[in-house]
Amino acid sequence: MKKPESQPPDRKVTLLQVAQSVLAAAFGVQSARNRERDFKHGSARTFILAGVVGTVLFVLSVWAVVSLVMKTVAG
């Protein structure tokens, strides 16, 4: 028995759903149901932009942590 969709077929993917999908994809744990929803109702531009923003935020957070550790160790 197939599970019912959580949203009507004509609805676009919300910003929260985009963020969750990008985060899940980054960790490699995206569900097949959500992936299908993203391909059917989402815009590639939205997911690409969210991926770039997520990557930039990740790099900046790693840079900030490393800078903080280096300052702590050095002084």
Protein backbone atom coordinates (compact mmCIF):
# COMPACT_ATOMS: atom_id res chain seq x y z
CA MET A 1 0.00 0.00 0.00
CA LYS A 2 1.41 3.37 -1.02
CA LYS A 3 1.62 6.16 1.54
CA PRO A 4 -0.43 9.27 0.79
CA GLU A 5 1.45 12.39 -0.25
CA SER A 6 1.97 14.93 2.51
CA GLN A 7 1.02 17.80 0.21
CA PRO A 8 -1.26 18.29 -2.78
CA PRO A 9 0.40 17.66 -6.16
CA ASP A 10 0.18 21.29 -7.31
CA ARG A 11 2.03 22.79 -4.31
CA LYS A 12 5.60 23.97 -4.67
CA VAL A 13 8.31 22.89 -2.28
CA THR A 14 8.59 25.23 0.74
CA LEU A 15 11.79 26.91 1.87
CA LEU A 16 11.98 24.62 4.91
CA GLN A 17 11.61 21.55 2.68
CA VAL A 18 14.38 22.85 0.40
CA ALA A 19 16.68 23.38 3.39
CA GLN A 20 15.91 19.90 4.75
CA SER A 21 16.48 18.31 1.36
CA VAL A 22 19.80 20.08 0.83
CA LEU A 23 20.99 19.11 4.31
CA ALA A 24 19.88 15.50 3.86
CA ALA A 25 21.55 15.34 0.46
CA ALA A 26 24.78 16.74 1.92
CA PHE A 27 24.82 13.89 4.43
CA GLY A 28 23.67 11.37 1.82
CA VAL A 29 20.50 10.36 3.63
CA GLN A 30 17.76 11.79 1.38
CA SER A 31 14.69 9.57 1.25
CA ALA A 32 13.36 8.39 -2.10
CA ARG A 33 9.97 9.96 -1.38
CA ASN A 34 11.45 13.38 -0.68
CA ARG A 35 13.76 13.14 -3.68
CA GLU A 36 10.80 12.39 -5.94
CA ARG A 37 8.88 15.32 -4.42
CA ASP A 38 11.84 17.62 -5.04
CA PHE A 39 12.20 16.58 -8.68
CA LYS A 40 8.46 16.85 -9.37
CA HIS A 41 7.64 20.08 -7.54
CA GLY A 42 10.93 21.86 -6.93
CA SER A 43 12.98 24.21 -9.06
CA ALA A 44 16.57 23.29 -9.88
CA ARG A 45 17.58 26.93 -9.42
CA THR A 46 16.25 26.91 -5.85
CA PHE A 47 18.12 23.74 -4.91
CA ILE A 48 21.36 24.92 -6.55
CA LEU A 49 21.17 28.26 -4.75
CA ALA A 50 20.42 26.54 -1.43
CA GLY A 51 23.33 24.16 -1.98
CA VAL A 52 25.73 27.01 -2.71
CA VAL A 53 24.54 28.97 0.33
CA GLY A 54 24.82 25.86 2.50
CA THR A 55 28.33 25.18 1.25
CA VAL A 56 29.44 28.76 1.88
CA LEU A 57 27.99 28.67 5.40
CA PHE A 58 29.72 25.36 6.09
CA VAL A 59 33.10 26.65 4.86
CA LEU A 60 32.74 29.86 6.88
CA SER A 61 31.84 27.94 10.04
CA VAL A 62 34.83 25.61 9.64
CA TRP A 63 37.06 28.64 9.04
CA ALA A 64 35.69 30.35 12.18
CA VAL A 65 36.25 27.27 14.35
CA VAL A 66 39.79 26.80 13.04
CA SER A 67 40.57 30.49 13.59
CA LEU A 68 39.24 30.31 17.14
CA VAL A 69 41.28 27.19 17.91
CA MET A 70 44.43 28.71 16.41
CA LYS A 71 44.02 31.88 18.49
CA THR A 72 43.46 29.80 21.62
CA VAL A 73 46.51 27.62 20.99
CA ALA A 74 48.78 30.51 19.98
CA GLY A 75 48.01 32.83 22.80
